[in-house]
Amino acid sequence: MERMNRYVVEFRAAAGKGEEAIALLHEMKAYFQEVHQKHVDIFYLAFGTPGTFQAMVDFDDLAQLETLSQAIRHDPRYRALSSRARDLAIESSMKTAVYYRV
């Protein structure tokens, strides 16, 4: 089995902002595919706290994740998308994690 790392972002959309969050997540997915050639999987929590989303991106290694992280920090297009996301999310709900395949 090949090694892989998965970066996961989870957040809850503010009340009444679910549809807007879905649209923005699809914009972000298109951005990552177009600009960084990275596929983003988007999920909505079926049971549990309403309005919970996860976005996941896979990397061959942590160096790839760090390279992408550095690139997006300086990209005005990403920063605009990220700012919009912060406006839609409940701040205390934002979580990030990195997993590796075992």
N, C-alpha and C. Protein backbone atom coordinates (compact mmCIF):
# COMPACT_ATOMS: atom_id res chain seq x y z
N MET A 1 0.85 -1.17 0.00
CA MET A 1 0.00 0.00 0.00
C MET A 1 0.91 1.24 0.00
N GLU A 2 0.60 2.17 -0.89
CA GLU A 2 1.42 3.38 -0.96
C GLU A 2 1.08 4.34 0.18
N ARG A 3 2.08 5.09 0.60
CA ARG A 3 1.88 6.10 1.64
C ARG A 3 1.09 7.26 1.05
N MET A 4 0.30 7.88 1.87
CA MET A 4 -0.48 9.02 1.43
C MET A 4 -0.82 9.85 2.65
N ASN A 5 -0.96 11.13 2.47
CA ASN A 5 -1.39 12.03 3.53
C ASN A 5 -2.68 12.70 3.08
N ARG A 6 -3.59 12.87 3.99
CA ARG A 6 -4.87 13.51 3.68
C ARG A 6 -5.05 14.72 4.60
N TYR A 7 -5.26 15.87 3.98
CA TYR A 7 -5.53 17.10 4.72
C TYR A 7 -7.04 17.29 4.74
N VAL A 8 -7.60 17.50 5.94
CA VAL A 8 -9.04 17.61 6.11
C VAL A 8 -9.37 18.93 6.81
N VAL A 9 -10.31 19.66 6.24
CA VAL A 9 -10.85 20.86 6.85
C VAL A 9 -12.31 20.58 7.14
N GLU A 10 -12.73 20.84 8.37
CA GLU A 10 -14.13 20.66 8.75
C GLU A 10 -14.64 21.95 9.36
N PHE A 11 -15.87 22.31 9.01
CA PHE A 11 -16.49 23.50 9.59
C PHE A 11 -18.00 23.37 9.51
N ARG A 12 -18.68 24.18 10.31
CA ARG A 12 -20.14 24.29 10.25
C ARG A 12 -20.49 25.63 9.65
N ALA A 13 -21.40 25.61 8.71
CA ALA A 13 -21.88 26.86 8.11
C ALA A 13 -22.83 27.54 9.09
N ALA A 14 -22.79 28.84 9.11
CA ALA A 14 -23.71 29.62 9.94
C ALA A 14 -25.14 29.34 9.48
N ALA A 15 -26.09 29.52 10.38
CA ALA A 15 -27.50 29.28 10.07
C ALA A 15 -27.91 30.04 8.82
N GLY A 16 -28.56 29.32 7.90
CA GLY A 16 -29.04 29.92 6.67
C GLY A 16 -27.98 30.11 5.60
N LYS A 17 -26.75 29.66 5.85
CA LYS A 17 -25.65 29.86 4.90
C LYS A 17 -25.21 28.57 4.21
N GLY A 18 -25.97 27.48 4.37
CA GLY A 18 -25.58 26.19 3.81
C GLY A 18 -25.45 26.19 2.30
N GLU A 19 -26.42 26.73 1.60
CA GLU A 19 -26.37 26.74 0.13
C GLU A 19 -25.21 27.60 -0.37
N GLU A 20 -24.99 28.72 0.30
CA GLU A 20 -23.88 29.59 -0.06
C GLU A 20 -22.54 28.87 0.19
N ALA A 21 -22.47 28.12 1.29
CA ALA A 21 -21.25 27.36 1.59
C ALA A 21 -20.99 26.29 0.52
N ILE A 22 -22.04 25.61 0.09
CA ILE A 22 -21.88 24.60 -0.96
C ILE A 22 -21.34 25.24 -2.24
N ALA A 23 -21.91 26.36 -2.63
CA ALA A 23 -21.46 27.05 -3.84
C ALA A 23 -20.00 27.47 -3.72
N LEU A 24 -19.62 28.01 -2.56
CA LEU A 24 -18.25 28.43 -2.36
C LEU A 24 -17.29 27.24 -2.36
N LEU A 25 -17.68 26.15 -1.72
CA LEU A 25 -16.82 24.96 -1.73
C LEU A 25 -16.58 24.46 -3.15
N HIS A 26 -17.59 24.54 -3.99
CA HIS A 26 -17.39 24.12 -5.39
C HIS A 26 -16.47 25.10 -6.13
N GLU A 27 -16.54 26.38 -5.79
CA GLU A 27 -15.59 27.35 -6.36
C GLU A 27 -14.17 27.01 -5.93
N MET A 28 -14.02 26.68 -4.64
CA MET A 28 -12.69 26.34 -4.12
C MET A 28 -12.18 25.05 -4.77
N LYS A 29 -13.07 24.10 -4.95
CA LYS A 29 -12.68 22.86 -5.61
C LYS A 29 -12.16 23.14 -7.02
N ALA A 30 -12.86 23.98 -7.76
CA ALA A 30 -12.43 24.34 -9.11
C ALA A 30 -11.09 25.08 -9.07
N TYR A 31 -10.91 25.97 -8.12
CA TYR A 31 -9.65 26.70 -7.97
C TYR A 31 -8.49 25.73 -7.77
N PHE A 32 -8.62 24.80 -6.83
CA PHE A 32 -7.52 23.87 -6.55
C PHE A 32 -7.22 22.98 -7.75
N GLN A 33 -8.23 22.58 -8.48
CA GLN A 33 -8.01 21.76 -9.66
C GLN A 33 -7.31 22.57 -10.76
N GLU A 34 -7.82 23.75 -11.00
CA GLU A 34 -7.30 24.60 -12.09
C GLU A 34 -5.89 25.11 -11.80
N VAL A 35 -5.67 25.63 -10.60
CA VAL A 35 -4.41 26.32 -10.29
C VAL A 35 -3.34 25.37 -9.76
N HIS A 36 -3.74 24.37 -8.98
CA HIS A 36 -2.76 23.50 -8.31
C HIS A 36 -2.84 22.04 -8.72
N GLN A 37 -3.76 21.72 -9.64
CA GLN A 37 -3.94 20.34 -10.11
C GLN A 37 -4.16 19.37 -8.94
N LYS A 38 -4.92 19.82 -7.94
CA LYS A 38 -5.26 18.98 -6.80
C LYS A 38 -6.78 18.79 -6.75
N HIS A 39 -7.19 17.54 -6.57
CA HIS A 39 -8.60 17.20 -6.46
C HIS A 39 -9.05 17.38 -5.01
N VAL A 40 -10.17 18.05 -4.82
CA VAL A 40 -10.75 18.26 -3.49
C VAL A 40 -12.06 17.48 -3.43
N ASP A 41 -12.19 16.64 -2.42
CA ASP A 41 -13.46 15.96 -2.15
C ASP A 41 -14.21 16.77 -1.11
N ILE A 42 -15.50 16.94 -1.33
CA ILE A 42 -16.35 17.72 -0.42
C ILE A 42 -17.46 16.82 0.10
N PHE A 43 -17.68 16.87 1.40
CA PHE A 43 -18.72 16.05 2.03
C PHE A 43 -19.57 16.91 2.95
N TYR A 44 -20.84 16.53 3.07
CA TYR A 44 -21.79 17.14 4.00
C TYR A 44 -22.19 16.07 5.00
N LEU A 45 -22.16 16.39 6.28
CA LEU A 45 -22.48 15.43 7.33
C LEU A 45 -23.95 15.01 7.24
N ALA A 46 -24.19 13.71 7.07
CA ALA A 46 -25.55 13.20 6.88
C ALA A 46 -26.33 13.16 8.19
N PHE A 47 -25.67 12.83 9.28
CA PHE A 47 -26.32 12.74 10.59
C PHE A 47 -25.45 13.50 11.58
N GLY A 48 -26.06 14.14 12.53
CA GLY A 48 -25.28 14.91 13.51
C GLY A 48 -25.58 16.38 13.40
N THR A 49 -24.59 17.19 13.66
CA THR A 49 -24.77 18.64 13.68
C THR A 49 -25.05 19.17 12.29
N PRO A 50 -26.20 19.80 12.08
CA PRO A 50 -26.54 20.34 10.76
C PRO A 50 -25.52 21.37 10.29
N GLY A 51 -25.32 21.40 8.99
CA GLY A 51 -24.45 22.40 8.39
C GLY A 51 -22.97 22.08 8.45
N THR A 52 -22.62 20.82 8.75
CA THR A 52 -21.21 20.44 8.87
C THR A 52 -20.68 19.93 7.54
N PHE A 53 -19.57 20.52 7.11
CA PHE A 53 -18.91 20.16 5.86
C PHE A 53 -17.49 19.70 6.12
N GLN A 54 -16.99 18.85 5.22
CA GLN A 54 -15.58 18.49 5.21
C GLN A 54 -15.07 18.62 3.78
N ALA A 55 -13.86 19.14 3.67
CA ALA A 55 -13.15 19.17 2.39
C ALA A 55 -11.83 18.44 2.61
N MET A 56 -11.48 17.56 1.65
CA MET A 56 -10.29 16.73 1.80
C MET A 56 -9.43 16.79 0.55
N VAL A 57 -8.11 16.85 0.76
CA VAL A 57 -7.15 16.83 -0.33
C VAL A 57 -6.07 15.83 0.03
N ASP A 58 -5.70 14.98 -0.92
CA ASP A 58 -4.66 13.98 -0.70
C ASP A 58 -3.32 14.44 -1.27
N PHE A 59 -2.26 14.05 -0.57
CA PHE A 59 -0.89 14.38 -0.96
C PHE A 59 -0.03 13.14 -0.86
N ASP A 60 0.96 13.04 -1.74
CA ASP A 60 1.89 11.91 -1.68
C ASP A 60 2.74 11.97 -0.42
N ASP A 61 3.08 13.18 0.02
CA ASP A 61 3.91 13.34 1.22
C ASP A 61 3.65 14.71 1.83
N LEU A 62 4.19 14.91 3.02
CA LEU A 62 3.97 16.17 3.72
C LEU A 62 4.67 17.34 3.03
N ALA A 63 5.72 17.07 2.29
CA ALA A 63 6.41 18.14 1.57
C ALA A 63 5.48 18.76 0.52
N GLN A 64 4.68 17.94 -0.15
CA GLN A 64 3.71 18.46 -1.12
C GLN A 64 2.69 19.36 -0.43
N LEU A 65 2.22 18.94 0.73
CA LEU A 65 1.27 19.75 1.49
C LEU A 65 1.89 21.09 1.87
N GLU A 66 3.12 21.07 2.33
CA GLU A 66 3.80 22.31 2.72
C GLU A 66 4.01 23.23 1.51
N THR A 67 4.38 22.67 0.37
CA THR A 67 4.57 23.46 -0.85
C THR A 67 3.27 24.15 -1.24
N LEU A 68 2.15 23.41 -1.21
CA LEU A 68 0.86 24.00 -1.54
C LEU A 68 0.47 25.06 -0.52
N SER A 69 0.70 24.78 0.74
CA SER A 69 0.37 25.75 1.80
C SER A 69 1.10 27.07 1.58
N GLN A 70 2.37 27.00 1.23
CA GLN A 70 3.15 28.20 0.97
C GLN A 70 2.61 28.95 -0.25
N ALA A 71 2.25 28.21 -1.28
CA ALA A 71 1.77 28.84 -2.52
C ALA A 71 0.45 29.58 -2.31
N ILE A 72 -0.48 28.97 -1.59
CA ILE A 72 -1.80 29.61 -1.44
C ILE A 72 -1.76 30.80 -0.49
N ARG A 73 -0.82 30.82 0.44
CA ARG A 73 -0.73 31.96 1.37
C ARG A 73 -0.50 33.27 0.64
N HIS A 74 0.14 33.20 -0.52
CA HIS A 74 0.49 34.42 -1.26
C HIS A 74 -0.38 34.63 -2.48
N ASP A 75 -1.41 33.83 -2.64
CA ASP A 75 -2.27 33.92 -3.82
C ASP A 75 -3.51 34.75 -3.50
N PRO A 76 -3.66 35.91 -4.11
CA PRO A 76 -4.83 36.77 -3.82
C PRO A 76 -6.16 36.08 -4.11
N ARG A 77 -6.20 35.26 -5.12
CA ARG A 77 -7.45 34.55 -5.45
C ARG A 77 -7.85 33.61 -4.32
N TYR A 78 -6.88 32.84 -3.81
CA TYR A 78 -7.17 31.94 -2.70
C TYR A 78 -7.56 32.74 -1.45
N ARG A 79 -6.85 33.80 -1.19
CA ARG A 79 -7.13 34.60 0.01
C ARG A 79 -8.55 35.15 -0.03
N ALA A 80 -9.03 35.53 -1.22
CA ALA A 80 -10.41 36.02 -1.35
C ALA A 80 -11.41 34.90 -1.07
N LEU A 81 -11.14 33.72 -1.60
CA LEU A 81 -12.02 32.57 -1.34
C LEU A 81 -12.02 32.23 0.15
N SER A 82 -10.86 32.22 0.75
CA SER A 82 -10.73 31.90 2.17
C SER A 82 -11.46 32.91 3.04
N SER A 83 -11.38 34.17 2.67
CA SER A 83 -12.07 35.22 3.41
C SER A 83 -13.58 35.01 3.35
N ARG A 84 -14.07 34.67 2.17
CA ARG A 84 -15.51 34.39 2.03
C ARG A 84 -15.91 33.20 2.88
N ALA A 85 -15.06 32.18 2.94
CA ALA A 85 -15.35 30.98 3.73
C ALA A 85 -15.44 31.34 5.22
N ARG A 86 -14.54 32.16 5.69
CA ARG A 86 -14.58 32.57 7.10
C ARG A 86 -15.87 33.31 7.42
N ASP A 87 -16.41 34.06 6.44
CA ASP A 87 -17.66 34.78 6.65
C ASP A 87 -18.87 33.84 6.73
N LEU A 88 -18.75 32.66 6.16
CA LEU A 88 -19.86 31.70 6.14
C LEU A 88 -19.82 30.71 7.30
N ALA A 89 -18.65 30.51 7.86
CA ALA A 89 -18.47 29.46 8.87
C ALA A 89 -18.67 30.00 10.28
N ILE A 90 -19.10 29.12 11.15
CA ILE A 90 -19.11 29.42 12.58
C ILE A 90 -17.66 29.27 13.03
N GLU A 91 -17.07 30.36 13.49
CA GLU A 91 -15.63 30.40 13.76
C GLU A 91 -15.16 29.27 14.66
N SER A 92 -15.87 29.00 15.72
CA SER A 92 -15.44 27.97 16.68
C SER A 92 -15.53 26.56 16.11
N SER A 93 -16.15 26.40 14.94
CA SER A 93 -16.33 25.05 14.38
C SER A 93 -15.20 24.63 13.44
N MET A 94 -14.32 25.55 13.08
CA MET A 94 -13.27 25.27 12.11
C MET A 94 -12.21 24.35 12.71
N LYS A 95 -11.97 23.21 12.04
CA LYS A 95 -10.95 22.26 12.47
C LYS A 95 -10.17 21.80 11.24
N THR A 96 -8.88 21.60 11.41
CA THR A 96 -8.06 21.02 10.36
C THR A 96 -7.29 19.85 10.95
N ALA A 97 -6.99 18.88 10.10
CA ALA A 97 -6.21 17.72 10.53
C ALA A 97 -5.48 17.13 9.34
N VAL A 98 -4.38 16.46 9.63
CA VAL A 98 -3.65 15.73 8.61
C VAL A 98 -3.62 14.26 9.05
N TYR A 99 -4.05 13.40 8.15
CA TYR A 99 -4.05 11.96 8.39
C TYR A 99 -3.06 11.31 7.45
N TYR A 100 -2.51 10.17 7.85
CA TYR A 100 -1.73 9.39 6.90
C TYR A 100 -2.26 7.98 6.86
N ARG A 101 -2.17 7.41 5.67
CA ARG A 101 -2.66 6.05 5.45
C ARG A 101 -1.74 5.06 6.17
N VAL A 102 -2.34 4.09 6.82
CA VAL A 102 -1.57 3.03 7.49
C VAL A 102 -1.87 1.69 6.87
